[in-house]
C-alpha atoms as a PDB file:
ATOM      1  CA  MET A   1    -148.178 -72.032  23.992  1.00  0.00           C
ATOM      2  CA  PRO A   2    -148.554 -68.255  24.522  1.00  0.00           C
ATOM      3  CA  ILE A   3    -152.062 -68.537  25.960  1.00  0.00           C
ATOM      4  CA  SER A   4    -153.235 -69.340  29.494  1.00  0.00           C
ATOM      5  CA  PRO A   5    -156.312 -71.475  30.346  1.00  0.00           C
ATOM      6  CA  THR A   6    -158.236 -68.318  31.295  1.00  0.00           C
ATOM      7  CA  GLU A   7    -157.333 -66.599  28.038  1.00  0.00           C
ATOM      8  CA  LEU A   8    -158.260 -69.720  26.091  1.00  0.00           C
ATOM      9  CA  ALA A   9    -161.669 -69.912  27.793  1.00  0.00           C
ATOM     10  CA  LEU A  10    -162.367 -66.281  26.892  1.00  0.00           C
ATOM     11  CA  ALA A  11    -161.194 -66.834  23.328  1.00  0.00           C
ATOM     12  CA  LEU A  12    -163.448 -69.877  22.925  1.00  0.00           C
ATOM     13  CA  LEU A  13    -166.443 -67.951  24.267  1.00  0.00           C
ATOM     14  CA  VAL A  14    -165.889 -65.048  21.892  1.00  0.00           C
ATOM     15  CA  VAL A  15    -165.346 -67.334  18.897  1.00  0.00           C
ATOM     16  CA  THR A  16    -168.522 -69.271  19.728  1.00  0.00           C
ATOM     17  CA  LEU A  17    -170.558 -66.049  19.771  1.00  0.00           C
ATOM     18  CA  GLY A  18    -169.023 -64.937  16.492  1.00  0.00           C
ATOM     19  CA  ALA A  19    -169.715 -68.321  14.920  1.00  0.00           C
ATOM     20  CA  VAL A  20    -173.373 -68.104  15.958  1.00  0.00           C
ATOM     21  CA  VAL A  21    -173.682 -64.724  14.207  1.00  0.00           C
ATOM     22  CA  GLN A  22    -171.913 -65.871  11.036  1.00  0.00           C
ATOM     23  CA  ALA A  23    -173.893 -69.107  10.773  1.00  0.00           C
ATOM     24  CA  SER A  24    -177.101 -67.087  11.167  1.00  0.00           C
ATOM     25  CA  VAL A  25    -176.413 -64.007   9.038  1.00  0.00           C
ATOM     26  CA  GLY A  26    -173.601 -65.076   6.688  1.00  0.00           C
ATOM     27  CA  PHE A  27    -170.646 -63.172   8.134  1.00  0.00           C
ATOM     28  CA  GLY A  28    -169.604 -61.556  11.402  1.00  0.00           C
ATOM     29  CA  LEU A  29    -167.264 -64.101  12.978  1.00  0.00           C
ATOM     30  CA  ALA A  30    -164.107 -62.021  12.626  1.00  0.00           C
ATOM     31  CA  LEU A  31    -165.997 -58.778  13.239  1.00  0.00           C
ATOM     32  CA  ILE A  32    -166.987 -59.989  16.703  1.00  0.00           C
ATOM     33  CA  ALA A  33    -164.025 -62.187  17.580  1.00  0.00           C
ATOM     34  CA  ALA A  34    -160.982 -60.485  16.039  1.00  0.00           C
ATOM     35  CA  PRO A  35    -160.908 -57.272  18.137  1.00  0.00           C
ATOM     36  CA  ILE A  36    -161.224 -59.197  21.410  1.00  0.00           C
ATOM     37  CA  LEU A  37    -158.818 -61.957  20.390  1.00  0.00           C
ATOM     38  CA  LEU A  38    -156.311 -59.254  19.525  1.00  0.00           C
ATOM     39  CA  LEU A  39    -156.490 -58.096  23.145  1.00  0.00           C
ATOM     40  CA  VAL A  40    -156.478 -61.616  24.605  1.00  0.00           C
ATOM     41  CA  GLU A  41    -153.571 -62.918  22.528  1.00  0.00           C
ATOM     42  CA  PRO A  42    -152.386 -61.170  19.339  1.00  0.00           C
ATOM     43  CA  ALA A  43    -150.976 -64.468  18.004  1.00  0.00           C
ATOM     44  CA  LEU A  44    -154.576 -65.623  17.399  1.00  0.00           C
ATOM     45  CA  ILE A  45    -154.971 -62.988  14.639  1.00  0.00           C
ATOM     46  CA  PRO A  46    -155.167 -63.329  11.681  1.00  0.00           C
ATOM     47  CA  GLY A  47    -153.942 -66.847  10.777  1.00  0.00           C
ATOM     48  CA  PRO A  48    -155.324 -69.064  13.564  1.00  0.00           C
ATOM     49  CA  LEU A  49    -158.783 -67.479  13.480  1.00  0.00           C
ATOM     50  CA  MET A  50    -158.978 -67.779   9.686  1.00  0.00           C
ATOM     51  CA  ALA A  51    -157.743 -71.366   9.632  1.00  0.00           C
ATOM     52  CA  ALA A  52    -160.166 -72.466  12.366  1.00  0.00           C
ATOM     53  CA  SER A  53    -163.047 -70.779  10.519  1.00  0.00           C
ATOM     54  CA  LEU A  54    -162.807 -73.483   7.832  1.00  0.00           C
ATOM     55  CA  VAL A  55    -164.761 -75.712  10.220  1.00  0.00           C
ATOM     56  CA  LEU A  56    -167.611 -73.213  10.365  1.00  0.00           C
ATOM     57  CA  THR A  57    -167.663 -72.305   6.680  1.00  0.00           C
ATOM     58  CA  GLY A  58    -167.560 -75.962   5.681  1.00  0.00           C
ATOM     59  CA  LEU A  59    -170.610 -76.699   7.813  1.00  0.00           C
ATOM     60  CA  VAL A  60    -172.491 -73.660   6.455  1.00  0.00           C
ATOM     61  CA  VAL A  61    -171.725 -74.541   2.827  1.00  0.00           C
ATOM     62  CA  HIS A  62    -173.008 -78.060   3.376  1.00  0.00           C
ATOM     63  CA  ARG A  63    -176.201 -76.763   4.966  1.00  0.00           C
ATOM     64  CA  GLU A  64    -176.842 -74.076   2.311  1.00  0.00           C
ATOM     65  CA  ARG A  65    -175.395 -75.964  -0.686  1.00  0.00           C
ATOM     66  CA  ALA A  66    -178.589 -75.601  -2.718  1.00  0.00           C
ATOM     67  CA  HIS A  67    -178.361 -71.791  -2.546  1.00  0.00           C
ATOM     68  CA  VAL A  68    -174.704 -71.180  -3.457  1.00  0.00           C
ATOM     69  CA  ASP A  69    -174.162 -68.765  -6.373  1.00  0.00           C
ATOM     70  CA  LEU A  70    -171.360 -70.699  -8.076  1.00  0.00           C
ATOM     71  CA  GLN A  71    -170.781 -68.228 -10.913  1.00  0.00           C
ATOM     72  CA  GLY A  72    -170.543 -65.236  -8.613  1.00  0.00           C
ATOM     73  CA  MET A  73    -168.309 -67.166  -6.236  1.00  0.00           C
ATOM     74  CA  VAL A  74    -165.873 -68.070  -9.041  1.00  0.00           C
ATOM     75  CA  PHE A  75    -165.409 -64.437 -10.118  1.00  0.00           C
ATOM     76  CA  ALA A  76    -165.116 -63.316  -6.501  1.00  0.00           C
ATOM     77  CA  ALA A  77    -162.494 -66.009  -5.918  1.00  0.00           C
ATOM     78  CA  GLY A  78    -160.419 -64.576  -8.765  1.00  0.00           C
ATOM     79  CA  GLY A  79    -160.585 -61.174  -7.137  1.00  0.00           C
ATOM     80  CA  ARG A  80    -159.638 -62.722  -3.811  1.00  0.00           C
ATOM     81  CA  VAL A  81    -156.354 -63.991  -5.249  1.00  0.00           C
ATOM     82  CA  VAL A  82    -155.415 -60.502  -6.419  1.00  0.00           C
ATOM     83  CA  GLY A  83    -156.494 -58.893  -3.145  1.00  0.00           C
ATOM     84  CA  THR A  84    -154.550 -61.420  -1.112  1.00  0.00           C
ATOM     85  CA  ALA A  85    -151.397 -60.796  -3.140  1.00  0.00           C
ATOM     86  CA  LEU A  86    -151.753 -57.066  -2.539  1.00  0.00           C
ATOM     87  CA  ALA A  87    -152.248 -57.778   1.169  1.00  0.00           C
ATOM     88  CA  ALA A  88    -148.979 -59.708   1.273  1.00  0.00           C
ATOM     89  CA  ILE A  89    -147.153 -56.720  -0.200  1.00  0.00           C
ATOM     90  CA  PHE A  90    -148.914 -54.416   2.234  1.00  0.00           C
ATOM     91  CA  LEU A  91    -147.963 -56.574   5.223  1.00  0.00           C
ATOM     92  CA  ALA A  92    -144.354 -56.415   4.135  1.00  0.00           C
ATOM     93  CA  TYR A  93    -144.129 -52.633   3.801  1.00  0.00           C
ATOM     94  CA  ALA A  94    -147.068 -50.777   5.386  1.00  0.00           C
ATOM     95  CA  SER A  95    -148.308 -50.327   8.933  1.00  0.00           C
ATOM     96  CA  ALA A  96    -151.446 -51.902  10.341  1.00  0.00           C
ATOM     97  CA  GLN A  97    -152.670 -48.453  11.414  1.00  0.00           C
ATOM     98  CA  VAL A  98    -152.654 -47.158   7.852  1.00  0.00           C
ATOM     99  CA  PHE A  99    -154.575 -50.226   6.710  1.00  0.00           C
ATOM    100  CA  ASP A 100    -157.165 -49.866   9.482  1.00  0.00           C
ATOM    101  CA  LEU A 101    -157.859 -46.294   8.412  1.00  0.00           C
ATOM    102  CA  GLY A 102    -158.261 -47.351   4.799  1.00  0.00           C
ATOM    103  CA  PHE A 103    -160.394 -50.339   5.781  1.00  0.00           C
ATOM    104  CA  GLY A 104    -162.825 -48.203   7.767  1.00  0.00           C
ATOM    105  CA  VAL A 105    -163.148 -45.586   5.047  1.00  0.00           C
ATOM    106  CA  LEU A 106    -163.694 -48.222   2.328  1.00  0.00           C
ATOM    107  CA  VAL A 107    -166.427 -49.981   4.292  1.00  0.00           C
ATOM    108  CA  VAL A 108    -168.249 -46.733   5.061  1.00  0.00           C
ATOM    109  CA  LEU A 109    -168.062 -45.739   1.380  1.00  0.00           C
ATOM    110  CA  GLY A 110    -169.345 -49.199   0.442  1.00  0.00           C
ATOM    111  CA  VAL A 111    -172.325 -48.845   2.740  1.00  0.00           C
ATOM    112  CA  VAL A 112    -173.099 -45.372   1.374  1.00  0.00           C
ATOM    113  CA  PHE A 113    -172.807 -46.657  -2.194  1.00  0.00           C
ATOM    114  CA  THR A 114    -175.089 -49.660  -1.633  1.00  0.00           C
ATOM    115  CA  ALA A 115    -177.598 -47.495   0.213  1.00  0.00           C
ATOM    116  CA  GLY A 116    -177.802 -45.346  -2.898  1.00  0.00           C
ATOM    117  CA  TYR A 117    -177.997 -48.409  -5.158  1.00  0.00           C
ATOM    118  CA  PRO A 118    -180.072 -50.960  -3.218  1.00  0.00           C
ATOM    119  CA  ASP A 119    -180.640 -53.099  -6.325  1.00  0.00           C
ATOM    120  CA  LEU A 120    -176.922 -53.797  -6.818  1.00  0.00           C
ATOM    121  CA  ARG A 121    -176.552 -57.395  -7.998  1.00  0.00           C
ATOM    122  CA  PRO A 122    -173.569 -59.752  -8.269  1.00  0.00           C
ATOM    123  CA  GLY A 123    -171.971 -59.765 -11.711  1.00  0.00           C
ATOM    124  CA  ARG A 124    -168.536 -60.331 -13.184  1.00  0.00           C
ATOM    125  CA  THR A 125    -167.161 -56.877 -12.397  1.00  0.00           C
ATOM    126  CA  THR A 126    -168.862 -56.405  -9.035  1.00  0.00           C
ATOM    127  CA  SER A 127    -167.920 -59.909  -7.869  1.00  0.00           C
ATOM    128  CA  LEU A 128    -164.289 -59.415  -8.897  1.00  0.00           C
ATOM    129  CA  LEU A 129    -164.100 -56.093  -7.067  1.00  0.00           C
ATOM    130  CA  ALA A 130    -165.833 -57.345  -3.930  1.00  0.00           C
ATOM    131  CA  GLY A 131    -163.664 -60.455  -3.865  1.00  0.00           C
ATOM    132  CA  GLY A 132    -160.504 -58.399  -4.279  1.00  0.00           C
ATOM    133  CA  VAL A 133    -161.333 -55.971  -1.488  1.00  0.00           C
ATOM    134  CA  SER A 134    -162.401 -58.860   0.732  1.00  0.00           C
ATOM    135  CA  GLY A 135    -159.085 -60.621   0.126  1.00  0.00           C
ATOM    136  CA  LEU A 136    -157.146 -57.487   0.985  1.00  0.00           C
ATOM    137  CA  MET A 137    -159.109 -56.849   4.170  1.00  0.00           C
ATOM    138  CA  GLY A 138    -159.356 -60.456   5.299  1.00  0.00           C
ATOM    139  CA  THR A 139    -155.694 -61.353   4.910  1.00  0.00           C
ATOM    140  CA  ILE A 140    -154.513 -58.389   6.955  1.00  0.00           C
ATOM    141  CA  SER A 141    -157.161 -58.118   9.675  1.00  0.00           C
ATOM    142  CA  SER A 142    -159.300 -61.318   9.432  1.00  0.00           C
ATOM    143  CA  ILE A 143    -162.344 -59.098   8.735  1.00  0.00           C
ATOM    144  CA  GLY A 144    -163.117 -59.738   5.077  1.00  0.00           C
ATOM    145  CA  GLY A 145    -166.880 -60.256   5.095  1.00  0.00           C
ATOM    146  CA  PRO A 146    -168.352 -56.756   4.561  1.00  0.00           C
ATOM    147  CA  PRO A 147    -167.531 -56.292   0.832  1.00  0.00           C
ATOM    148  CA  MET A 148    -169.088 -59.611  -0.211  1.00  0.00           C
ATOM    149  CA  ALA A 149    -172.005 -59.251   2.193  1.00  0.00           C
ATOM    150  CA  LEU A 150    -172.821 -55.805   0.829  1.00  0.00           C
ATOM    151  CA  LEU A 151    -172.818 -57.246  -2.692  1.00  0.00           C
ATOM    152  CA  TYR A 152    -175.259 -60.036  -1.750  1.00  0.00           C
ATOM    153  CA  GLN A 153    -177.400 -58.068   0.705  1.00  0.00           C
ATOM    154  CA  SER A 154    -180.430 -58.157  -1.616  1.00  0.00           C
ATOM    155  CA  SER A 155    -179.999 -61.763  -2.764  1.00  0.00           C
ATOM    156  CA  GLY A 156    -181.793 -63.483   0.105  1.00  0.00           C
ATOM    157  CA  ALA A 157    -180.538 -64.826   3.416  1.00  0.00           C
ATOM    158  CA  ALA A 158    -179.854 -68.407   2.304  1.00  0.00           C
ATOM    159  CA  ARG A 159    -178.012 -67.352  -0.864  1.00  0.00           C
ATOM    160  CA  LEU A 160    -175.907 -64.848   1.043  1.00  0.00           C
ATOM    161  CA  ARG A 161    -174.939 -67.391   3.707  1.00  0.00           C
ATOM    162  CA  GLY A 162    -174.141 -70.173   1.243  1.00  0.00           C
ATOM    163  CA  THR A 163    -172.228 -68.073  -1.286  1.00  0.00           C
ATOM    164  CA  LEU A 164    -170.186 -66.217   1.312  1.00  0.00           C
ATOM    165  CA  ALA A 165    -169.317 -69.475   3.070  1.00  0.00           C
ATOM    166  CA  GLY A 166    -168.088 -71.025  -0.181  1.00  0.00           C
ATOM    167  CA  PHE A 167    -166.103 -67.894  -0.970  1.00  0.00           C
ATOM    168  CA  PHE A 168    -164.618 -67.854   2.528  1.00  0.00           C
ATOM    169  CA  ILE A 169    -163.400 -71.453   2.191  1.00  0.00           C
ATOM    170  CA  PHE A 170    -161.427 -70.645  -0.949  1.00  0.00           C
ATOM    171  CA  GLY A 171    -160.301 -67.264   0.335  1.00  0.00           C
ATOM    172  CA  THR A 172    -159.167 -68.601   3.687  1.00  0.00           C
ATOM    173  CA  ILE A 173    -157.013 -71.277   2.068  1.00  0.00           C
ATOM    174  CA  VAL A 174    -155.396 -68.682  -0.198  1.00  0.00           C
ATOM    175  CA  SER A 175    -154.840 -66.210   2.643  1.00  0.00           C
ATOM    176  CA  VAL A 176    -153.357 -68.805   4.995  1.00  0.00           C
ATOM    177  CA  ALA A 177    -151.033 -69.997   2.222  1.00  0.00           C
ATOM    178  CA  VAL A 178    -149.834 -66.434   1.661  1.00  0.00           C
ATOM    179  CA  LEU A 179    -149.332 -65.892   5.392  1.00  0.00           C
ATOM    180  CA  ALA A 180    -147.295 -69.105   5.526  1.00  0.00           C
ATOM    181  CA  ALA A 181    -145.191 -67.961   2.559  1.00  0.00           C
ATOM    182  CA  ILE A 182    -144.240 -64.717   4.310  1.00  0.00           C
ATOM    183  CA  GLY A 183    -143.561 -66.428   7.650  1.00  0.00           C
ATOM    184  CA  ARG A 184    -146.797 -65.429   9.410  1.00  0.00           C
ATOM    185  CA  PHE A 185    -148.347 -68.904   9.715  1.00  0.00           C
ATOM    186  CA  GLY A 186    -146.379 -71.819  11.160  1.00  0.00           C
ATOM    187  CA  TRP A 187    -146.714 -74.678  13.634  1.00  0.00           C
ATOM    188  CA  LEU A 188    -147.669 -72.366  16.509  1.00  0.00           C
ATOM    189  CA  GLU A 189    -150.532 -70.905  14.481  1.00  0.00           C
ATOM    190  CA  VAL A 190    -151.686 -74.416  13.538  1.00  0.00           C
ATOM    191  CA  GLN A 191    -151.877 -75.358  17.220  1.00  0.00           C
ATOM    192  CA  LEU A 192    -153.782 -72.184  18.096  1.00  0.00           C
ATOM    193  CA  ALA A 193    -156.202 -72.783  15.215  1.00  0.00           C
ATOM    194  CA  LEU A 194    -156.904 -76.318  16.437  1.00  0.00           C
ATOM    195  CA  LEU A 195    -157.744 -74.929  19.880  1.00  0.00           C
ATOM    196  CA  LEU A 196    -160.410 -72.678  18.327  1.00  0.00           C
ATOM    197  CA  CYS A 197    -162.040 -75.358  16.147  1.00  0.00           C
ATOM    198  CA  PRO A 198    -164.454 -76.742  18.804  1.00  0.00           C
ATOM    199  CA  ALA A 199    -165.895 -73.256  19.320  1.00  0.00           C
ATOM    200  CA  MET A 200    -166.608 -73.009  15.571  1.00  0.00           C
ATOM    201  CA  ALA A 201    -168.591 -76.261  15.615  1.00  0.00           C
ATOM    202  CA  LEU A 202    -170.436 -75.269  18.785  1.00  0.00           C
ATOM    203  CA  GLY A 203    -171.401 -71.886  17.347  1.00  0.00           C
ATOM    204  CA  PHE A 204    -172.794 -73.545  14.233  1.00  0.00           C
ATOM    205  CA  ALA A 205    -174.838 -75.953  16.368  1.00  0.00           C
ATOM    206  CA  LEU A 206    -176.257 -73.122  18.481  1.00  0.00           C
ATOM    207  CA  ALA A 207    -177.170 -70.952  15.486  1.00  0.00           C
ATOM    208  CA  GLY A 208    -180.254 -72.910  14.416  1.00  0.00           C
ATOM    209  CA  PRO A 209    -182.936 -70.903  16.281  1.00  0.00           C
ATOM    210  CA  PHE A 210    -181.356 -67.580  15.293  1.00  0.00           C
ATOM    211  CA  ARG A 211    -180.963 -68.546  11.615  1.00  0.00           C
ATOM    212  CA  ALA A 212    -184.670 -69.350  11.394  1.00  0.00           C
ATOM    213  CA  ARG A 213    -185.487 -65.766  12.426  1.00  0.00           C
ATOM    214  CA  VAL A 214    -183.270 -64.109   9.809  1.00  0.00           C
ATOM    215  CA  SER A 215    -185.696 -63.430   6.966  1.00  0.00           C
ATOM    216  CA  ASP A 216    -184.865 -62.099   3.506  1.00  0.00           C
ATOM    217  CA  ASP A 217    -186.340 -58.727   4.520  1.00  0.00           C
ATOM    218  CA  ALA A 218    -184.103 -58.555   7.593  1.00  0.00           C
ATOM    219  CA  ILE A 219    -180.829 -59.450   5.899  1.00  0.00           C
ATOM    220  CA  ARG A 220    -180.180 -56.041   4.272  1.00  0.00           C
ATOM    221  CA  PRO A 221    -180.349 -53.945   7.482  1.00  0.00           C
ATOM    222  CA  LEU A 222    -178.356 -56.617   9.317  1.00  0.00           C
ATOM    223  CA  VAL A 223    -175.612 -56.554   6.690  1.00  0.00           C
ATOM    224  CA  ILE A 224    -175.437 -52.756   6.631  1.00  0.00           C
ATOM    225  CA  GLY A 225    -175.433 -52.589  10.421  1.00  0.00           C
ATOM    226  CA  LEU A 226    -172.693 -55.186  10.864  1.00  0.00           C
ATOM    227  CA  SER A 227    -170.610 -53.574   8.120  1.00  0.00           C
ATOM    228  CA  LEU A 228    -170.781 -50.190   9.835  1.00  0.00           C
ATOM    229  CA  VAL A 229    -169.799 -51.816  13.135  1.00  0.00           C
ATOM    230  CA  ALA A 230    -166.812 -53.388  11.366  1.00  0.00           C
ATOM    231  CA  ALA A 231    -165.764 -49.986  10.057  1.00  0.00           C
ATOM    232  CA  ALA A 232    -166.128 -48.440  13.511  1.00  0.00           C
ATOM    233  CA  VAL A 233    -164.062 -51.202  15.147  1.00  0.00           C
ATOM    234  CA  VAL A 234    -161.075 -50.812  12.850  1.00  0.00           C
ATOM    235  CA  LEU A 235    -161.242 -47.004  12.818  1.00  0.00           C
ATOM    236  CA  VAL A 236    -161.187 -46.920  16.620  1.00  0.00           C
ATOM    237  CA  ARG A 237    -158.337 -49.431  16.614  1.00  0.00           C
ATOM    238  CA  ALA A 238    -156.364 -47.212  14.221  1.00  0.00           C
ATOM    239  CA  ILE A 239    -156.996 -44.074  16.268  1.00  0.00           C
ATOM    240  CA  VAL A 240    -156.018 -45.558  19.634  1.00  0.00           C
ATOM    241  CA  ALA A 241    -153.040 -47.528  18.273  1.00  0.00           C
END
């Protein structure tokens, strides 16, 4: 295993914090955990983190099952397949630095667009587009939450959490399958993912008090703020790479 006990302890701490945020707000796990895990042990990104997140998203979907937007999730899932396929091509031919620059610019433009159109609602076209961009971003960098979160920012906290969690389950399975097909997810990544699973469950358990404080009025500024942080993280990573 390419990870020491000290590195594993740090990774588990970071993943727990990220899981608390995602279980409370609806996304943010990869935003918080991925940059640090990349420094601790690059092998943890993207496959192991995505695979382990199935524990968290499964728990969130079960908790918020009454609020899941099934129709929107289905269209977004279709877009995710296309975005993931494009990500596989990108991983084969393009550099991570180029993607990071594009990622940051797209997220910033998305925030600007939704700020100008605060009443944007999920529909066939918007769900397909958000799902596609999320699949592209998530498969390459593990950070795929901002596009879907921006789409559902005005839909209420419970609906955002439940729908995004359901979308992430489908999207994660597709992305991991694609990574496996191109040789980026094997037995080592399975072992690393299993090591991260307890932190996912612990983060979900600790999120209760925080989730209760996330009101429908607070979800929009939280989503915009976290999305801008995501853009800043990947832009800095591209510049210093």
